[in-house]
Amino acid sequence: MNLKIVKLLITLTAVLLFISSCSTQVAKEKNKVEDISRHSVFNLDAETIKDLEKGIIKGTPLRLDNDTKISDVERIWGKPNEHFDNEDIQTYRYTIENQHFIIDEDEMNEIYIIQVELEYSKDEILEIMGKPTEPGNIFIYEKENYIIQFEKFHNKWRLILRKR
């Protein structure tokens, strides 16, 4: 009787091992461009694009909502590296872990444009973002409440996120 139980357990274990090794689950193929991490602060990937469509710069305190003020950014990142007073518009420049961020604040103290310097090529941006809303050398993606724009400045691409 004990020998039958041992044989049954061995057979059952072998069947379970065979079934687990024959898993039909296939690993998802990864988009090579989305896996590129060039910065430890902000990178373009699928999750980042979803946040951009909501006015959020993922991995930063930067948001384009009426609740976020430059004082909120200063509380997290400290004082900006540079500040430009353009009368009605205040421009703040931060360099965080070798990545440049430019924030424009209007006369109502609302952040309305955020710019991020990127280390991506034109082809990588187009592969990640897809076809722009408007064709041209400036890539514009119009979303419900925000405009996501890519422009080339001094041999580097810059993401510009602004309210509609």
C-alpha atoms as a PDB file:
ATOM      1  CA  MET A   1       0.000   0.000   0.000  1.00  0.00           C
ATOM      2  CA  ASN A   2       2.808   2.427   0.912  1.00  0.00           C
ATOM      3  CA  LEU A   3       4.618   1.635  -2.341  1.00  0.00           C
ATOM      4  CA  LYS A   4       1.503   2.558  -4.339  1.00  0.00           C
ATOM      5  CA  ILE A   5       1.259   5.925  -2.540  1.00  0.00           C
ATOM      6  CA  VAL A   6       4.951   6.659  -3.185  1.00  0.00           C
ATOM      7  CA  LYS A   7       4.574   5.807  -6.893  1.00  0.00           C
ATOM      8  CA  LEU A   8       1.457   7.961  -7.093  1.00  0.00           C
ATOM      9  CA  LEU A   9       3.262  10.927  -5.463  1.00  0.00           C
ATOM     10  CA  ILE A  10       6.257  10.544  -7.790  1.00  0.00           C
ATOM     11  CA  THR A  11       3.972  10.395 -10.834  1.00  0.00           C
ATOM     12  CA  LEU A  12       1.968  13.409  -9.617  1.00  0.00           C
ATOM     13  CA  THR A  13       5.179  15.414  -8.989  1.00  0.00           C
ATOM     14  CA  ALA A  14       6.505  14.544 -12.445  1.00  0.00           C
ATOM     15  CA  VAL A  15       3.223  15.610 -14.080  1.00  0.00           C
ATOM     16  CA  LEU A  16       3.206  18.915 -12.166  1.00  0.00           C
ATOM     17  CA  LEU A  17       6.830  19.616 -13.108  1.00  0.00           C
ATOM     18  CA  PHE A  18       6.061  18.853 -16.758  1.00  0.00           C
ATOM     19  CA  ILE A  19       2.999  21.129 -16.754  1.00  0.00           C
ATOM     20  CA  SER A  20       4.874  24.013 -15.122  1.00  0.00           C
ATOM     21  CA  SER A  21       7.736  23.747 -17.626  1.00  0.00           C
ATOM     22  CA  CYS A  22       5.274  23.807 -20.543  1.00  0.00           C
ATOM     23  CA  SER A  23       3.802  27.173 -19.637  1.00  0.00           C
ATOM     24  CA  THR A  24       2.005  28.778 -22.547  1.00  0.00           C
ATOM     25  CA  GLN A  25       2.619  32.291 -21.273  1.00  0.00           C
ATOM     26  CA  VAL A  26       4.796  34.223 -23.707  1.00  0.00           C
ATOM     27  CA  ALA A  27       6.847  37.164 -22.529  1.00  0.00           C
ATOM     28  CA  LYS A  28       5.799  40.487 -24.019  1.00  0.00           C
ATOM     29  CA  GLU A  29       8.192  41.899 -26.560  1.00  0.00           C
ATOM     30  CA  LYS A  30       9.541  45.166 -25.242  1.00  0.00           C
ATOM     31  CA  ASN A  31       9.770  48.335 -27.273  1.00  0.00           C
ATOM     32  CA  LYS A  32      13.483  49.042 -27.355  1.00  0.00           C
ATOM     33  CA  VAL A  33      12.989  52.799 -27.513  1.00  0.00           C
ATOM     34  CA  GLU A  34      10.739  52.811 -24.439  1.00  0.00           C
ATOM     35  CA  ASP A  35      13.429  50.983 -22.505  1.00  0.00           C
ATOM     36  CA  ILE A  36      15.990  53.739 -23.060  1.00  0.00           C
ATOM     37  CA  SER A  37      16.668  55.611 -19.834  1.00  0.00           C
ATOM     38  CA  ARG A  38      18.858  58.599 -20.381  1.00  0.00           C
ATOM     39  CA  HIS A  39      17.958  60.573 -17.283  1.00  0.00           C
ATOM     40  CA  SER A  40      17.192  59.615 -13.735  1.00  0.00           C
ATOM     41  CA  VAL A  41      14.656  62.450 -13.478  1.00  0.00           C
ATOM     42  CA  PHE A  42      12.467  62.352 -16.621  1.00  0.00           C
ATOM     43  CA  ASN A  43      12.317  59.821 -19.455  1.00  0.00           C
ATOM     44  CA  LEU A  44       9.812  59.200 -22.224  1.00  0.00           C
ATOM     45  CA  ASP A  45       7.868  55.957 -21.923  1.00  0.00           C
ATOM     46  CA  ALA A  46       4.240  54.840 -22.146  1.00  0.00           C
ATOM     47  CA  GLU A  47       3.452  55.762 -18.533  1.00  0.00           C
ATOM     48  CA  THR A  48       5.091  59.174 -18.965  1.00  0.00           C
ATOM     49  CA  ILE A  49       2.976  59.905 -22.044  1.00  0.00           C
ATOM     50  CA  LYS A  50      -0.207  59.150 -20.075  1.00  0.00           C
ATOM     51  CA  ASP A  51       0.942  61.605 -17.396  1.00  0.00           C
ATOM     52  CA  LEU A  52       1.825  64.253 -19.995  1.00  0.00           C
ATOM     53  CA  GLU A  53      -1.746  64.022 -21.288  1.00  0.00           C
ATOM     54  CA  LYS A  54      -2.849  64.951 -17.743  1.00  0.00           C
ATOM     55  CA  GLY A  55      -0.387  67.865 -17.498  1.00  0.00           C
ATOM     56  CA  ILE A  56       2.077  66.002 -15.278  1.00  0.00           C
ATOM     57  CA  ILE A  57       5.841  65.692 -15.749  1.00  0.00           C
ATOM     58  CA  LYS A  58       6.455  62.250 -14.239  1.00  0.00           C
ATOM     59  CA  GLY A  59       9.304  62.006 -11.749  1.00  0.00           C
ATOM     60  CA  THR A  60       9.150  65.729 -10.935  1.00  0.00           C
ATOM     61  CA  PRO A  61       7.024  68.094  -8.837  1.00  0.00           C
ATOM     62  CA  LEU A  62       5.935  69.779 -12.081  1.00  0.00           C
ATOM     63  CA  ARG A  63       2.230  69.863 -12.976  1.00  0.00           C
ATOM     64  CA  LEU A  64       0.098  72.174 -15.052  1.00  0.00           C
ATOM     65  CA  ASP A  65      -2.804  72.533 -12.697  1.00  0.00           C
ATOM     66  CA  ASN A  66      -3.940  75.658 -10.940  1.00  0.00           C
ATOM     67  CA  ASP A  67      -2.960  74.200  -7.572  1.00  0.00           C
ATOM     68  CA  THR A  68       0.774  73.815  -8.255  1.00  0.00           C
ATOM     69  CA  LYS A  69       2.830  76.947  -7.623  1.00  0.00           C
ATOM     70  CA  ILE A  70       6.521  77.678  -7.985  1.00  0.00           C
ATOM     71  CA  SER A  71       6.737  77.632  -4.164  1.00  0.00           C
ATOM     72  CA  ASP A  72       5.701  73.949  -4.311  1.00  0.00           C
ATOM     73  CA  VAL A  73       8.546  73.264  -6.743  1.00  0.00           C
ATOM     74  CA  GLU A  74      11.009  75.219  -4.553  1.00  0.00           C
ATOM     75  CA  ARG A  75       9.959  73.200  -1.520  1.00  0.00           C
ATOM     76  CA  ILE A  76      11.076  70.024  -3.325  1.00  0.00           C
ATOM     77  CA  TRP A  77      13.897  71.206  -5.625  1.00  0.00           C
ATOM     78  CA  GLY A  78      15.041  74.332  -3.777  1.00  0.00           C
ATOM     79  CA  LYS A  79      15.670  77.693  -5.396  1.00  0.00           C
ATOM     80  CA  PRO A  80      16.061  77.694  -9.200  1.00  0.00           C
ATOM     81  CA  ASN A  81      19.481  77.914 -10.821  1.00  0.00           C
ATOM     82  CA  GLU A  82      18.280  80.940 -12.788  1.00  0.00           C
ATOM     83  CA  HIS A  83      15.306  83.290 -12.620  1.00  0.00           C
ATOM     84  CA  PHE A  84      14.270  85.712 -15.358  1.00  0.00           C
ATOM     85  CA  ASP A  85      11.764  88.474 -14.624  1.00  0.00           C
ATOM     86  CA  ASN A  86       9.974  89.289 -17.869  1.00  0.00           C
ATOM     87  CA  GLU A  87       7.414  91.618 -16.215  1.00  0.00           C
ATOM     88  CA  ASP A  88       4.197  89.582 -16.575  1.00  0.00           C
ATOM     89  CA  ILE A  89       6.017  86.275 -17.048  1.00  0.00           C
ATOM     90  CA  GLN A  90       8.486  84.739 -14.624  1.00  0.00           C
ATOM     91  CA  THR A  91      10.852  82.078 -15.991  1.00  0.00           C
ATOM     92  CA  TYR A  92      12.650  79.652 -13.700  1.00  0.00           C
ATOM     93  CA  ARG A  93      15.424  77.322 -14.807  1.00  0.00           C
ATOM     94  CA  TYR A  94      16.412  74.241 -12.843  1.00  0.00           C
ATOM     95  CA  THR A  95      19.169  71.747 -13.519  1.00  0.00           C
ATOM     96  CA  ILE A  96      18.386  68.503 -11.716  1.00  0.00           C
ATOM     97  CA  GLU A  97      20.809  65.602 -12.179  1.00  0.00           C
ATOM     98  CA  ASN A  98      22.172  67.182 -15.410  1.00  0.00           C
ATOM     99  CA  GLN A  99      18.706  67.602 -16.916  1.00  0.00           C
ATOM    100  CA  HIS A 100      17.348  71.100 -17.617  1.00  0.00           C
ATOM    101  CA  PHE A 101      13.801  72.162 -16.709  1.00  0.00           C
ATOM    102  CA  ILE A 102      12.302  75.550 -17.572  1.00  0.00           C
ATOM    103  CA  ILE A 103       9.103  76.728 -15.913  1.00  0.00           C
ATOM    104  CA  ASP A 104       7.049  79.737 -17.001  1.00  0.00           C
ATOM    105  CA  GLU A 105       4.666  81.329 -14.529  1.00  0.00           C
ATOM    106  CA  ASP A 106       2.089  83.955 -15.507  1.00  0.00           C
ATOM    107  CA  GLU A 107       0.974  87.111 -13.702  1.00  0.00           C
ATOM    108  CA  MET A 108      -1.598  85.074 -11.754  1.00  0.00           C
ATOM    109  CA  ASN A 109       1.272  82.930 -10.354  1.00  0.00           C
ATOM    110  CA  GLU A 110       0.112  79.898 -12.326  1.00  0.00           C
ATOM    111  CA  ILE A 111       2.564  77.601 -14.045  1.00  0.00           C
ATOM    112  CA  TYR A 112       1.443  77.431 -17.668  1.00  0.00           C
ATOM    113  CA  ILE A 113       4.464  76.085 -19.608  1.00  0.00           C
ATOM    114  CA  ILE A 114       7.015  73.470 -18.606  1.00  0.00           C
ATOM    115  CA  GLN A 115      10.014  72.625 -20.788  1.00  0.00           C
ATOM    116  CA  VAL A 116      12.325  69.644 -20.386  1.00  0.00           C
ATOM    117  CA  GLU A 117      15.570  69.163 -22.298  1.00  0.00           C
ATOM    118  CA  LEU A 118      15.807  65.641 -23.715  1.00  0.00           C
ATOM    119  CA  GLU A 119      18.520  63.308 -24.981  1.00  0.00           C
ATOM    120  CA  TYR A 120      16.313  61.683 -27.604  1.00  0.00           C
ATOM    121  CA  SER A 121      16.627  61.754 -31.375  1.00  0.00           C
ATOM    122  CA  LYS A 122      13.856  62.854 -33.733  1.00  0.00           C
ATOM    123  CA  ASP A 123      13.234  59.244 -34.777  1.00  0.00           C
ATOM    124  CA  GLU A 124      13.030  58.052 -31.159  1.00  0.00           C
ATOM    125  CA  ILE A 125      10.535  60.786 -30.261  1.00  0.00           C
ATOM    126  CA  LEU A 126       8.363  59.907 -33.255  1.00  0.00           C
ATOM    127  CA  GLU A 127       8.545  56.192 -32.470  1.00  0.00           C
ATOM    128  CA  ILE A 128       7.526  56.774 -28.845  1.00  0.00           C
ATOM    129  CA  MET A 129       4.901  59.477 -29.450  1.00  0.00           C
ATOM    130  CA  GLY A 130       3.531  58.404 -32.813  1.00  0.00           C
ATOM    131  CA  LYS A 131       2.362  60.663 -35.601  1.00  0.00           C
ATOM    132  CA  PRO A 132       1.998  64.322 -34.546  1.00  0.00           C
ATOM    133  CA  THR A 133      -1.324  66.164 -34.794  1.00  0.00           C
ATOM    134  CA  GLU A 134       0.336  68.690 -37.106  1.00  0.00           C
ATOM    135  CA  PRO A 135       3.155  67.790 -39.505  1.00  0.00           C
ATOM    136  CA  GLY A 136       6.386  69.805 -39.585  1.00  0.00           C
ATOM    137  CA  ASN A 137       9.719  70.226 -37.807  1.00  0.00           C
ATOM    138  CA  ILE A 138       7.933  70.945 -34.544  1.00  0.00           C
ATOM    139  CA  PHE A 139       5.983  67.912 -33.334  1.00  0.00           C
ATOM    140  CA  ILE A 140       2.674  68.910 -31.767  1.00  0.00           C
ATOM    141  CA  TYR A 141       0.332  66.470 -30.035  1.00  0.00           C
ATOM    142  CA  GLU A 142      -2.961  68.088 -29.068  1.00  0.00           C
ATOM    143  CA  LYS A 143      -4.676  66.425 -26.137  1.00  0.00           C
ATOM    144  CA  GLU A 144      -7.896  67.266 -24.324  1.00  0.00           C
ATOM    145  CA  ASN A 145      -6.503  69.926 -21.966  1.00  0.00           C
ATOM    146  CA  TYR A 146      -2.813  70.093 -22.884  1.00  0.00           C
ATOM    147  CA  ILE A 147      -0.486  70.419 -25.828  1.00  0.00           C
ATOM    148  CA  ILE A 148       2.625  68.257 -25.900  1.00  0.00           C
ATOM    149  CA  GLN A 149       5.227  69.736 -28.214  1.00  0.00           C
ATOM    150  CA  PHE A 150       8.770  68.779 -29.226  1.00  0.00           C
ATOM    151  CA  GLU A 151      11.187  71.339 -30.682  1.00  0.00           C
ATOM    152  CA  LYS A 152      14.883  71.270 -31.391  1.00  0.00           C
ATOM    153  CA  PHE A 153      16.963  73.852 -29.502  1.00  0.00           C
ATOM    154  CA  HIS A 154      20.759  73.986 -29.897  1.00  0.00           C
ATOM    155  CA  ASN A 155      21.083  70.368 -31.138  1.00  0.00           C
ATOM    156  CA  LYS A 156      18.869  68.959 -28.370  1.00  0.00           C
ATOM    157  CA  TRP A 157      15.179  68.203 -28.389  1.00  0.00           C
ATOM    158  CA  ARG A 158      12.990  69.883 -25.832  1.00  0.00           C
ATOM    159  CA  LEU A 159       9.612  68.765 -24.598  1.00  0.00           C
ATOM    160  CA  ILE A 160       7.229  71.683 -24.099  1.00  0.00           C
ATOM    161  CA  LEU A 161       4.069  70.977 -22.149  1.00  0.00           C
ATOM    162  CA  ARG A 162       1.443  73.731 -22.071  1.00  0.00           C
ATOM    163  CA  LYS A 163      -2.203  74.293 -21.385  1.00  0.00           C
ATOM    164  CA  ARG A 164      -4.642  74.493 -24.305  1.00  0.00           C
END
